[in-house]
């Protein structure tokens, strides 16, 4: 096997760190550049829900990626924990997606039938069964879809562990280091940063919502837009929730330290990262209706992140059509945590082994503006 390339990953969120770790453990020379630091963008405002059958409510490329990534998660977390020495909160205790009216109940029944026909382990619960499965739910719940294989992971802890594990495999993390421009040069891709210009054989652009703002010579910007999400952390005072609870208005993730995460708003406000009264009250009203016991919960904090969306709500993964040796890995929107393992594997296979998985066809960056 020939000499491994020098690889630069732009972006140190969950996707950038997962990609860098995978490159590092396969023997590549890797540096990660970020304008803030590890996990300081959308990652820190994620609840870490691993639920491909909720995020993608029908078969298609996003569900295929999500299901494939969830299948990798046990091994992925075990490897990261072993290589980093860190603890990473991770549970596959299931999700309970609830219906609060006739319309949402009928939608869940259709989803249940589709999943059951596809061989997915799931159950449709009536009102009495829902109350038994999760006694804290309010009286307005009509039924629920239980998917035992889904769960959640701690995004901040996982990203920090990926960084530490990457470093142990020789990955270097440089921040704050703002990347301003990428251009093809005779010796590789030239990377203009706030600290000067460097060159790399291959660049993976994993800058999340900022990917479309970075200037790339010879390529139209990807249509990646920031979507603000506000997330609450409450201190739960009652008996713990059993699993992730998801409703049409909010979702709730239970942590073993007695807190719950409540998310998340979906706001088209550009690069505005402020927490707002409207966002907080919207989530508080929703969670009080869903789980009345949260009225006595303590309010701990609000987190805000800008999730990278695309026009078709699919990520952009794969080679640039116009810039040699540039790979895009962005646009994961609300599924960045879920899709981290499969993104890392697909990108590393593509760059190091020249293997282009069929899953990449539907999410190729070239579907936008011929880039």
Protein backbone atom coordinates (compact mmCIF):
# COMPACT_ATOMS: atom_id res chain seq x y z
CA UNK A 1 0.00 0.00 0.00
CA UNK A 2 1.30 3.45 -0.94
CA UNK A 3 2.12 6.35 1.34
CA UNK A 4 -0.87 7.79 3.14
CA UNK A 5 -1.86 11.37 2.27
CA UNK A 6 -1.76 14.39 4.49
CA UNK A 7 -5.39 15.16 5.29
CA UNK A 8 -6.89 18.36 6.68
CA UNK A 9 -10.37 18.30 8.19
CA UNK A 10 -12.05 21.70 8.38
CA UNK A 11 -14.46 21.65 11.32
CA UNK A 12 -14.21 20.12 14.80
CA UNK A 13 -17.83 19.26 15.47
CA UNK A 14 -19.05 15.69 15.84
CA UNK A 15 -18.67 15.02 12.09
CA UNK A 16 -15.20 16.50 11.74
CA UNK A 17 -13.93 14.74 14.85
CA UNK A 18 -15.41 11.39 13.81
CA UNK A 19 -13.87 11.66 10.35
CA UNK A 20 -10.49 12.68 11.75
CA UNK A 21 -10.51 9.83 14.26
CA UNK A 22 -11.31 7.29 11.54
CA UNK A 23 -8.51 8.62 9.35
CA UNK A 24 -6.09 8.58 12.28
CA UNK A 25 -6.85 5.03 13.35
CA UNK A 26 -6.24 3.92 9.75
CA UNK A 27 -2.78 5.47 9.79
CA UNK A 28 -3.28 8.74 7.93
CA UNK A 29 -1.61 12.02 8.92
CA UNK A 30 -4.44 14.34 9.96
CA UNK A 31 -4.93 17.88 11.21
CA UNK A 32 -8.24 19.44 12.20
CA UNK A 33 -8.83 23.19 11.90
CA UNK A 34 -11.68 25.01 13.60
CA UNK A 35 -12.44 28.65 14.28
CA UNK A 36 -13.72 27.91 17.81
CA UNK A 37 -12.72 24.58 19.25
CA UNK A 38 -13.84 20.99 19.58
CA UNK A 39 -17.62 20.57 19.70
CA UNK A 40 -18.38 24.26 20.19
CA UNK A 41 -20.98 24.65 17.42
CA UNK A 42 -24.18 22.72 16.80
CA UNK A 43 -22.77 19.67 18.59
CA UNK A 44 -22.95 21.22 22.06
CA UNK A 45 -26.63 22.04 21.55
CA UNK A 46 -27.66 18.55 20.47
CA UNK A 47 -29.58 16.11 22.66
CA UNK A 48 -27.88 13.13 21.01
CA UNK A 49 -31.03 11.23 20.04
CA UNK A 50 -30.30 8.15 17.92
CA UNK A 51 -33.62 7.59 16.18
CA UNK A 52 -33.48 6.99 12.43
CA UNK A 53 -37.10 5.85 12.33
CA UNK A 54 -38.25 9.18 13.77
CA UNK A 55 -35.89 11.58 11.99
CA UNK A 56 -36.70 9.90 8.66
CA UNK A 57 -40.37 8.99 8.84
CA UNK A 58 -40.36 7.12 5.51
CA UNK A 59 -37.89 4.95 3.56
CA UNK A 60 -35.24 6.82 1.59
CA UNK A 61 -31.58 7.87 1.63
CA UNK A 62 -31.72 9.53 5.06
CA UNK A 63 -33.29 6.50 6.71
CA UNK A 64 -30.81 4.17 4.97
CA UNK A 65 -27.90 6.23 6.28
CA UNK A 66 -29.44 6.46 9.75
CA UNK A 67 -30.18 2.76 10.08
CA UNK A 68 -26.71 1.88 8.81
CA UNK A 69 -25.11 4.30 11.25
CA UNK A 70 -27.15 3.05 14.22
CA UNK A 71 -25.93 -0.47 13.43
CA UNK A 72 -22.36 0.81 13.77
CA UNK A 73 -22.92 2.68 17.04
CA UNK A 74 -22.19 -0.06 19.59
CA UNK A 75 -18.78 -0.79 18.07
CA UNK A 76 -18.13 2.90 17.37
CA UNK A 77 -18.64 3.95 21.00
CA UNK A 78 -16.70 0.95 22.32
CA UNK A 79 -13.72 1.79 20.09
CA UNK A 80 -13.75 5.47 21.03
CA UNK A 81 -13.99 4.68 24.74
CA UNK A 82 -11.13 2.17 24.49
CA UNK A 83 -8.90 4.54 22.51
CA UNK A 84 -9.66 7.63 24.60
CA UNK A 85 -10.06 6.23 28.11
CA UNK A 86 -13.12 8.48 28.51
CA UNK A 87 -16.62 7.59 29.60
CA UNK A 88 -19.36 8.29 27.07
CA UNK A 89 -23.04 8.20 28.11
CA UNK A 90 -24.77 5.86 25.68
CA UNK A 91 -28.07 4.01 25.96
CA UNK A 92 -30.18 1.98 23.58
CA UNK A 93 -33.20 2.00 25.89
CA UNK A 94 -35.68 2.76 23.13
CA UNK A 95 -37.85 5.69 22.08
CA UNK A 96 -41.51 6.34 22.73
CA UNK A 97 -43.05 8.52 20.02
CA UNK A 98 -46.42 9.71 21.28
CA UNK A 99 -49.58 10.92 19.56
CA UNK A 100 -51.65 13.70 21.09
CA UNK A 101 -54.51 13.89 18.58
CA UNK A 102 -56.29 11.73 16.02
CA UNK A 103 -54.12 12.92 13.14
CA UNK A 104 -50.81 12.11 14.82
CA UNK A 105 -52.21 8.80 16.06
CA UNK A 106 -53.14 7.75 12.53
CA UNK A 107 -49.70 8.80 11.28
CA UNK A 108 -48.03 6.68 13.97
CA UNK A 109 -50.20 3.70 13.07
CA UNK A 110 -49.11 3.99 9.44
CA UNK A 111 -45.48 4.30 10.52
CA UNK A 112 -45.84 1.25 12.75
CA UNK A 113 -47.30 -0.82 9.94
CA UNK A 114 -44.53 0.21 7.57
CA UNK A 115 -41.80 -0.58 10.08
CA UNK A 116 -43.38 -3.90 11.03
CA UNK A 117 -43.65 -4.87 7.35
CA UNK A 118 -39.93 -4.06 7.00
CA UNK A 119 -39.07 -6.35 9.91
CA UNK A 120 -38.26 -3.60 12.43
CA UNK A 121 -38.89 -4.49 16.07
CA UNK A 122 -41.58 -2.03 17.20
CA UNK A 123 -44.92 -1.91 19.01
CA UNK A 124 -47.97 0.29 18.76
CA UNK A 125 -49.27 1.07 22.25
CA UNK A 126 -52.76 2.14 23.23
CA UNK A 127 -53.49 4.75 25.90
CA UNK A 128 -53.36 2.32 28.83
CA UNK A 129 -50.14 0.69 27.62
CA UNK A 130 -48.52 4.09 27.13
CA UNK A 131 -49.30 5.10 30.71
CA UNK A 132 -47.80 1.86 31.94
CA UNK A 133 -44.68 2.32 29.78
CA UNK A 134 -44.20 5.95 30.87
CA UNK A 135 -46.35 6.98 33.88
CA UNK A 136 -45.26 10.64 33.71
CA UNK A 137 -47.03 11.34 30.42
CA UNK A 138 -49.95 13.75 30.46
CA UNK A 139 -53.61 12.90 29.93
CA UNK A 140 -53.62 14.16 26.34
CA UNK A 141 -51.57 11.24 25.01
CA UNK A 142 -53.63 8.99 22.70
CA UNK A 143 -51.10 6.29 21.86
CA UNK A 144 -47.43 5.75 21.10
CA UNK A 145 -44.95 3.92 18.91
CA UNK A 146 -42.22 2.10 20.84
CA UNK A 147 -38.96 1.33 19.00
CA UNK A 148 -36.64 -0.55 21.40
CA UNK A 149 -33.48 -0.30 19.26
CA UNK A 150 -33.25 3.49 19.34
CA UNK A 151 -31.68 5.57 22.11
CA UNK A 152 -29.26 8.41 22.77
CA UNK A 153 -25.62 9.30 23.31
CA UNK A 154 -23.87 12.20 25.05
CA UNK A 155 -22.74 14.42 22.13
CA UNK A 156 -20.32 16.60 24.07
CA UNK A 157 -18.69 13.66 25.84
CA UNK A 158 -18.52 11.66 22.61
CA UNK A 159 -16.93 14.52 20.67
CA UNK A 160 -14.36 15.14 23.41
CA UNK A 161 -13.57 11.42 23.46
CA UNK A 162 -13.19 11.39 19.66
CA UNK A 163 -10.72 14.26 19.98
CA UNK A 164 -8.69 12.49 22.67
CA UNK A 165 -8.78 9.20 20.76
CA UNK A 166 -7.73 11.00 17.59
CA UNK A 167 -4.79 12.62 19.32
CA UNK A 168 -3.63 9.20 20.48
CA UNK A 169 -3.64 8.17 16.83
CA UNK A 170 -1.57 11.20 15.84
CA UNK A 171 -4.34 13.63 14.87
CA UNK A 172 -3.56 17.28 15.62
CA UNK A 173 -6.27 19.80 16.50
CA UNK A 174 -5.57 23.48 15.80
CA UNK A 175 -7.96 26.15 17.09
CA UNK A 176 -8.89 28.89 16.94
CA UNK A 177 -7.91 28.61 13.29
CA UNK A 178 -10.32 30.18 10.82
CA UNK A 179 -10.18 28.77 7.30
CA UNK A 180 -10.89 31.52 4.80
CA UNK A 181 -10.21 30.01 1.40
CA UNK A 182 -9.41 26.74 -0.35
CA UNK A 183 -7.76 26.58 -3.75
CA UNK A 184 -6.15 23.88 -5.88
CA UNK A 185 -2.36 24.21 -6.11
CA UNK A 186 0.49 22.29 -7.68
CA UNK A 187 1.33 20.55 -4.38
CA UNK A 188 -2.26 19.90 -3.25
CA UNK A 189 -5.03 22.04 -1.83
CA UNK A 190 -3.88 25.39 -0.47
CA UNK A 191 -5.64 26.34 2.75
CA UNK A 192 -5.67 30.03 3.63
CA UNK A 193 -6.25 30.47 7.35
CA UNK A 194 -6.18 33.22 9.95
CA UNK A 195 -2.69 32.00 10.87
CA UNK A 196 -1.25 31.75 7.36
CA UNK A 197 -1.42 29.38 4.42
CA UNK A 198 -0.76 25.65 4.46
CA UNK A 199 -1.08 22.85 1.91
CA UNK A 200 -2.69 19.44 2.22
CA UNK A 201 -3.07 16.48 -0.14
CA UNK A 202 -6.77 16.15 0.73
CA UNK A 203 -9.25 18.41 2.50
CA UNK A 204 -12.51 17.30 4.10
CA UNK A 205 -14.88 20.23 4.50
CA UNK A 206 -16.95 19.45 7.61
CA UNK A 207 -17.66 23.00 8.72
CA UNK A 208 -21.39 22.55 9.31
CA UNK A 209 -23.47 25.68 8.77
CA UNK A 210 -20.35 27.62 7.83
CA UNK A 211 -19.43 25.32 4.93
CA UNK A 212 -21.34 27.44 2.46
CA UNK A 213 -19.54 30.60 3.57
CA UNK A 214 -16.04 29.30 3.01
CA UNK A 215 -14.58 30.45 -0.30
CA UNK A 216 -13.54 27.57 -2.57
CA UNK A 217 -11.87 28.57 -5.83
CA UNK A 218 -13.57 26.97 -8.82
CA UNK A 219 -16.66 25.80 -6.93
CA UNK A 220 -20.02 27.39 -6.23
CA UNK A 221 -20.87 27.53 -2.52
CA UNK A 222 -22.92 24.63 -1.24
CA UNK A 223 -26.48 25.73 -0.36
CA UNK A 224 -26.03 24.99 3.34
CA UNK A 225 -28.18 27.14 5.61
CA UNK A 226 -28.06 27.56 9.40
CA UNK A 227 -31.16 26.41 11.28
CA UNK A 228 -31.20 27.58 14.88
CA UNK A 229 -32.12 25.04 17.50
CA UNK A 230 -32.65 25.91 21.16
CA UNK A 231 -32.37 23.13 23.73
CA UNK A 232 -33.25 23.21 27.44
CA UNK A 233 -31.66 21.35 30.32
CA UNK A 234 -34.00 20.80 33.27
CA UNK A 235 -33.29 19.19 36.62
CA UNK A 236 -35.86 16.42 36.99
CA UNK A 237 -37.17 15.87 40.51
CA UNK A 238 -39.39 12.81 40.15
CA UNK A 239 -38.84 9.16 39.34
CA UNK A 240 -36.68 8.94 36.22
CA UNK A 241 -38.06 8.63 32.74
CA UNK A 242 -37.46 5.23 31.18
CA UNK A 243 -36.51 6.28 27.66
CA UNK A 244 -36.52 9.09 25.10
CA UNK A 245 -40.02 10.53 24.67
CA UNK A 246 -40.88 12.28 21.40
CA UNK A 247 -44.04 14.25 20.65
CA UNK A 248 -45.13 16.49 17.76
CA UNK A 249 -44.00 19.58 19.75
CA UNK A 250 -40.84 18.49 21.56
CA UNK A 251 -38.65 15.58 22.58
CA UNK A 252 -37.24 14.73 26.01
CA UNK A 253 -34.03 12.83 26.73
CA UNK A 254 -33.49 11.47 30.27
CA UNK A 255 -30.02 11.52 31.77
CA UNK A 256 -28.92 9.36 34.66
CA UNK A 257 -27.76 12.40 36.63
CA UNK A 258 -31.38 13.45 37.16
CA UNK A 259 -31.56 15.98 34.34
CA UNK A 260 -33.55 15.95 31.12
CA UNK A 261 -32.86 17.65 27.81
CA UNK A 262 -35.82 19.21 26.02
CA UNK A 263 -35.55 20.14 22.38
CA UNK A 264 -35.58 21.59 19.98
CA UNK A 265 -36.78 24.64 18.13
CA UNK A 266 -36.43 24.91 14.35
CA UNK A 267 -35.78 28.54 13.43
CA UNK A 268 -34.71 30.11 10.14
CA UNK A 269 -32.87 33.15 11.52
CA UNK A 270 -29.54 33.08 9.71
CA UNK A 271 -26.42 33.04 11.87
CA UNK A 272 -28.16 34.45 14.95
CA UNK A 273 -27.08 32.23 17.87
CA UNK A 274 -29.02 33.95 20.63
CA UNK A 275 -31.29 32.17 23.03
CA UNK A 276 -34.72 33.81 22.96
CA UNK A 277 -37.69 34.13 25.28
CA UNK A 278 -39.93 32.83 22.50
CA UNK A 279 -37.80 29.73 21.96
CA UNK A 280 -37.55 28.91 25.65
CA UNK A 281 -41.24 29.43 26.39
CA UNK A 282 -42.26 27.38 23.35
CA UNK A 283 -40.29 24.41 24.66
CA UNK A 284 -41.43 24.89 28.25
CA UNK A 285 -45.10 24.98 27.21
CA UNK A 286 -44.64 21.86 25.10
CA UNK A 287 -42.85 19.83 27.76
CA UNK A 288 -45.32 20.82 30.49
CA UNK A 289 -48.18 19.54 28.36
CA UNK A 290 -46.31 16.33 27.54
CA UNK A 291 -44.91 15.67 31.03
CA UNK A 292 -46.82 17.64 33.69
CA UNK A 293 -44.23 16.75 36.34
CA UNK A 294 -41.76 19.10 34.65
CA UNK A 295 -43.67 21.99 36.23
CA UNK A 296 -41.65 21.27 39.37
CA UNK A 297 -38.35 20.75 37.54
CA UNK A 298 -35.45 23.12 37.97
CA UNK A 299 -34.40 25.23 34.99
CA UNK A 300 -30.67 24.74 34.47
CA UNK A 301 -29.68 26.20 31.10
CA UNK A 302 -30.52 26.82 27.47
CA UNK A 303 -28.15 25.81 24.69
CA UNK A 304 -28.21 27.15 21.16
CA UNK A 305 -26.74 25.67 17.99
CA UNK A 306 -26.94 26.30 14.26
CA UNK A 307 -27.68 23.03 12.48
CA UNK A 308 -26.59 22.80 8.83
CA UNK A 309 -29.58 22.27 6.56
CA UNK A 310 -29.75 21.76 2.79
CA UNK A 311 -32.62 22.28 0.31
CA UNK A 312 -33.53 18.58 0.36
CA UNK A 313 -32.64 17.99 4.03
CA UNK A 314 -29.98 15.44 3.06
CA UNK A 315 -26.29 15.76 3.88
CA UNK A 316 -23.67 16.55 1.25
CA UNK A 317 -21.14 13.70 1.30
CA UNK A 318 -18.50 12.93 -1.28
CA UNK A 319 -15.96 14.33 -3.69
CA UNK A 320 -16.26 17.79 -5.16
CA UNK A 321 -16.85 17.58 -8.91
CA UNK A 322 -14.70 20.60 -9.66
CA UNK A 323 -11.92 20.77 -7.04
CA UNK A 324 -9.57 17.76 -7.00
CA UNK A 325 -9.10 16.06 -3.62
CA UNK A 326 -11.80 18.07 -1.86
CA UNK A 327 -14.42 16.06 0.04
CA UNK A 328 -17.61 17.52 1.45
CA UNK A 329 -19.08 16.17 4.71
CA UNK A 330 -21.71 18.63 5.83
CA UNK A 331 -25.43 19.40 5.77
CA UNK A 332 -26.41 16.75 8.34
CA UNK A 333 -29.09 19.05 9.78
CA UNK A 334 -30.65 17.29 12.83
CA UNK A 335 -28.91 13.96 12.24
CA UNK A 336 -25.25 14.83 12.74
CA UNK A 337 -24.86 12.83 15.94
CA UNK A 338 -26.68 9.82 14.52
CA UNK A 339 -24.76 9.88 11.23
CA UNK A 340 -21.26 10.41 12.66
CA UNK A 341 -20.12 6.74 12.52
CA UNK A 342 -21.29 6.07 8.98
CA UNK A 343 -20.05 9.42 7.70
CA UNK A 344 -16.60 8.71 9.11
CA UNK A 345 -16.51 5.27 7.53
CA UNK A 346 -17.83 6.38 4.13
CA UNK A 347 -15.40 9.29 3.89
CA UNK A 348 -12.39 7.27 5.01
CA UNK A 349 -13.25 4.47 2.57
CA UNK A 350 -13.58 7.05 -0.21
CA UNK A 351 -10.30 8.84 0.46
CA UNK A 352 -8.02 6.05 1.65
CA UNK A 353 -9.33 3.08 -0.32
CA UNK A 354 -11.00 4.69 -3.33
CA UNK A 355 -14.21 2.86 -2.44
CA UNK A 356 -17.42 4.76 -3.19
CA UNK A 357 -20.33 3.22 -1.36
CA UNK A 358 -23.68 3.22 -3.23
CA UNK A 359 -25.15 5.14 -0.27
CA UNK A 360 -23.18 8.19 -1.44
CA UNK A 361 -25.01 8.47 -4.75
CA UNK A 362 -28.11 10.16 -3.31
CA UNK A 363 -26.11 12.58 -1.16
CA UNK A 364 -23.37 13.56 -3.61
CA UNK A 365 -22.49 17.28 -3.35
CA UNK A 366 -22.70 17.54 -7.15
CA UNK A 367 -26.49 17.46 -6.97
CA UNK A 368 -26.24 21.15 -6.04
CA UNK A 369 -25.19 23.57 -8.79
CA UNK A 370 -22.96 20.99 -10.47
CA UNK A 371 -20.33 21.42 -7.72
